[in-house]
Amino acid sequence: GLQLTTDGGTTWREIGGAMAGKNIVAVAKRGQEIVVAVDAADFFVPGNIGIFRSTDNGTNWSQMSVGDGTLTGMPVGRGADLVVDPASATTLYAAIYGASFFGGGVSGVFKSTDFGATWNRVSDAVVEGQIVGGTDTCEDVVERADGRAFGWHERATMREQGDQSDLP
């Protein structure tokens, strides 16, 4: 499940019954909005994994990673990571893998500028080629969000897309 505190951690309460039985790997919260990345679930079906969003502090949830991505801009797949851009509180980056297996979409790194309501794929074919179902390093795809998406190469060596200056 998912726990929420409204008093700085003194007390906690369980929220979002829809999140029960899900392995939540990342959480972003802004006001009443909560976005989570889920990579596995007790009942492992496409409707139980991916990116989920609540606009009412976790009372109700919508799956944002749906089908091939036509509806929300993000395909269904395993949610590998989720981060908030430190320069913009409404910008999120998320990594999805296994999309071709679950819903026919393309795995990749996705960006939202409206705190998870809509998404656009921002990764390129090189990064997407590295994001395959079953990998244990996909959580490293999104390391930070400063306006640039990150990808991994050779088992979790991080490099910024388009920036080769730090390579050996």
Protein backbone atom coordinates (compact mmCIF):
# COMPACT_ATOMS: atom_id res chain seq x y z
CA GLY A 1 0.00 0.00 0.00
CA LEU A 2 0.82 3.67 0.15
CA GLN A 3 1.06 5.80 3.27
CA LEU A 4 0.42 9.57 3.55
CA THR A 5 1.37 12.04 6.25
CA THR A 6 0.01 15.57 6.51
CA ASP A 7 1.81 16.53 9.72
CA GLY A 8 5.47 16.10 8.84
CA GLY A 9 5.60 12.39 9.68
CA THR A 10 4.08 12.37 13.16
CA THR A 11 1.14 10.28 11.95
CA TRP A 12 0.57 8.24 8.83
CA ARG A 13 -2.50 6.77 7.18
CA GLU A 14 -2.96 4.24 4.42
CA ILE A 15 -4.28 5.76 1.20
CA GLY A 16 -5.30 4.51 -2.18
CA GLY A 17 -6.77 1.04 -1.79
CA ALA A 18 -6.14 0.71 -5.53
CA MET A 19 -2.41 0.70 -4.73
CA ALA A 20 -2.65 -2.35 -2.44
CA GLY A 21 -0.59 -5.26 -3.73
CA LYS A 22 1.51 -3.07 -6.00
CA ASN A 23 5.28 -2.61 -5.82
CA ILE A 24 5.60 1.18 -5.88
CA VAL A 25 9.14 2.12 -6.88
CA ALA A 26 8.78 5.93 -6.93
CA VAL A 27 6.36 8.63 -5.74
CA ALA A 28 5.90 12.31 -6.66
CA LYS A 29 3.49 14.53 -4.71
CA ARG A 30 2.32 18.10 -5.30
CA GLY A 31 -0.66 19.42 -3.34
CA GLN A 32 -3.52 16.95 -3.79
CA GLU A 33 -1.80 15.26 -6.75
CA ILE A 34 0.18 12.04 -6.37
CA VAL A 35 1.94 10.15 -9.18
CA VAL A 36 3.49 6.71 -8.64
CA ALA A 37 5.56 4.27 -10.69
CA VAL A 38 4.68 0.59 -10.26
CA ASP A 39 6.92 -2.17 -11.61
CA ALA A 40 5.15 -5.26 -10.26
CA ALA A 41 1.94 -6.33 -8.56
CA ASP A 42 0.52 -9.31 -6.70
CA PHE A 43 -1.88 -9.78 -9.62
CA PHE A 44 0.51 -9.08 -12.49
CA VAL A 45 -1.57 -7.76 -15.39
CA PRO A 46 -1.19 -4.57 -17.49
CA GLY A 47 -3.87 -2.75 -15.47
CA ASN A 48 -1.80 -3.11 -12.29
CA ILE A 49 1.60 -1.82 -13.47
CA GLY A 50 2.96 1.41 -14.92
CA ILE A 51 2.32 5.03 -13.95
CA PHE A 52 -0.73 5.96 -11.85
CA ARG A 53 -2.05 9.40 -10.87
CA SER A 54 -4.40 10.69 -8.19
CA THR A 55 -5.74 14.25 -8.05
CA ASP A 56 -7.50 13.82 -4.69
CA ASN A 57 -4.72 12.79 -2.27
CA GLY A 58 -4.98 9.11 -3.17
CA THR A 59 -8.70 8.50 -2.86
CA ASN A 60 -9.08 7.72 -6.59
CA TRP A 61 -6.46 6.66 -9.11
CA SER A 62 -6.12 6.72 -12.90
CA GLN A 63 -3.63 4.63 -14.84
CA MET A 64 -1.65 7.00 -17.07
CA SER A 65 0.31 4.31 -18.93
CA VAL A 66 -2.40 2.76 -21.08
CA GLY A 67 -2.37 0.49 -24.14
CA ASP A 68 0.03 1.61 -26.86
CA GLY A 69 0.19 5.16 -25.47
CA THR A 70 -2.34 6.76 -27.82
CA LEU A 71 -4.65 7.90 -25.01
CA THR A 72 -2.18 9.60 -22.61
CA GLY A 73 1.10 9.65 -24.53
CA MET A 74 2.55 6.82 -22.40
CA PRO A 75 2.17 3.09 -23.13
CA VAL A 76 1.44 0.47 -20.52
CA GLY A 77 4.54 -1.25 -19.17
CA ARG A 78 6.51 -1.63 -15.99
CA GLY A 79 7.15 1.72 -14.28
CA ALA A 80 10.89 1.76 -13.67
CA ASP A 81 11.40 5.24 -12.24
CA LEU A 82 9.79 8.62 -11.72
CA VAL A 83 11.42 11.95 -10.86
CA VAL A 84 10.38 15.60 -10.53
CA ASP A 85 12.40 18.20 -12.41
CA PRO A 86 14.02 20.39 -9.70
CA ALA A 87 13.62 23.43 -11.98
CA SER A 88 9.87 22.90 -12.49
CA ALA A 89 7.54 21.37 -9.92
CA THR A 90 5.04 20.36 -12.62
CA THR A 91 7.54 18.51 -14.84
CA LEU A 92 8.00 14.78 -14.35
CA TYR A 93 10.15 12.18 -16.07
CA ALA A 94 9.32 8.48 -16.00
CA ALA A 95 10.80 5.33 -17.48
CA ILE A 96 8.60 2.54 -18.83
CA TYR A 97 9.86 -0.86 -19.97
CA GLY A 98 8.18 -3.95 -21.36
CA ALA A 99 5.70 -1.81 -23.32
CA SER A 100 5.84 -3.96 -26.46
CA PHE A 101 4.97 -7.03 -24.40
CA PHE A 102 2.10 -5.49 -22.43
CA GLY A 103 0.35 -3.10 -24.80
CA GLY A 104 2.19 -2.78 -28.07
CA GLY A 105 3.85 0.56 -27.35
CA VAL A 106 7.49 1.62 -27.19
CA SER A 107 9.44 1.49 -23.93
CA GLY A 108 11.33 4.66 -23.13
CA VAL A 109 11.72 7.80 -21.06
CA PHE A 110 8.61 10.00 -20.94
CA LYS A 111 8.10 13.61 -19.88
CA SER A 112 5.03 15.33 -18.46
CA THR A 113 4.76 19.10 -17.99
CA ASP A 114 1.37 18.95 -16.25
CA PHE A 115 2.29 16.72 -13.28
CA GLY A 116 1.44 13.47 -14.98
CA ALA A 117 -1.84 14.26 -16.76
CA THR A 118 -0.28 13.83 -20.22
CA TRP A 119 3.05 12.43 -21.39
CA ASN A 120 5.43 12.58 -24.37
CA ARG A 121 8.27 10.20 -25.17
CA VAL A 122 11.60 12.06 -25.00
CA SER A 123 14.07 9.20 -25.36
CA ASP A 124 15.69 8.30 -28.65
CA ALA A 125 16.12 4.94 -30.37
CA VAL A 126 19.50 4.33 -28.71
CA VAL A 127 18.07 4.62 -25.20
CA GLU A 128 14.91 2.75 -26.17
CA GLY A 129 17.02 -0.09 -27.57
CA GLN A 130 18.61 -0.48 -24.17
CA ILE A 131 15.27 -0.56 -22.33
CA VAL A 132 14.04 -4.11 -22.71
CA GLY A 133 11.66 -6.19 -20.64
CA GLY A 134 13.35 -8.22 -17.96
CA THR A 135 16.30 -5.89 -17.45
CA ASP A 136 17.32 -5.25 -13.87
CA THR A 137 18.96 -1.90 -14.62
CA CYS A 138 16.06 0.00 -16.14
CA GLU A 139 15.51 1.88 -12.89
CA ASP A 140 18.71 3.75 -13.71
CA VAL A 141 17.21 5.19 -16.90
CA VAL A 142 15.99 8.31 -15.15
CA GLU A 143 18.62 9.54 -12.73
CA ARG A 144 17.79 13.21 -12.48
CA ALA A 145 15.51 15.67 -14.20
CA ASP A 146 17.17 18.92 -15.12
CA GLY A 147 15.56 19.18 -18.51
CA ARG A 148 17.52 16.30 -20.00
CA ALA A 149 16.66 12.63 -19.97
CA PHE A 150 19.28 10.11 -18.93
CA GLY A 151 19.89 6.64 -20.25
CA TRP A 152 22.10 3.70 -19.36
CA HIS A 153 24.70 1.91 -21.38
CA GLU A 154 26.67 -1.24 -20.60
CA ARG A 155 24.86 -2.31 -17.45
CA ALA A 156 24.07 1.01 -15.76
CA THR A 157 26.86 3.35 -16.83
CA MET A 158 24.94 6.62 -16.94
CA ARG A 159 25.31 9.12 -19.75
CA GLU A 160 23.31 12.11 -20.79
CA GLN A 161 21.64 11.95 -24.17
CA GLY A 162 23.65 13.98 -26.63
CA ASP A 163 26.51 14.63 -24.21
CA GLN A 164 29.51 12.43 -24.85
CA SER A 165 32.04 14.62 -22.99
CA ASP A 166 32.28 12.39 -19.92
CA LEU A 167 32.90 9.15 -21.84
CA PRO A 168 36.27 7.41 -21.72
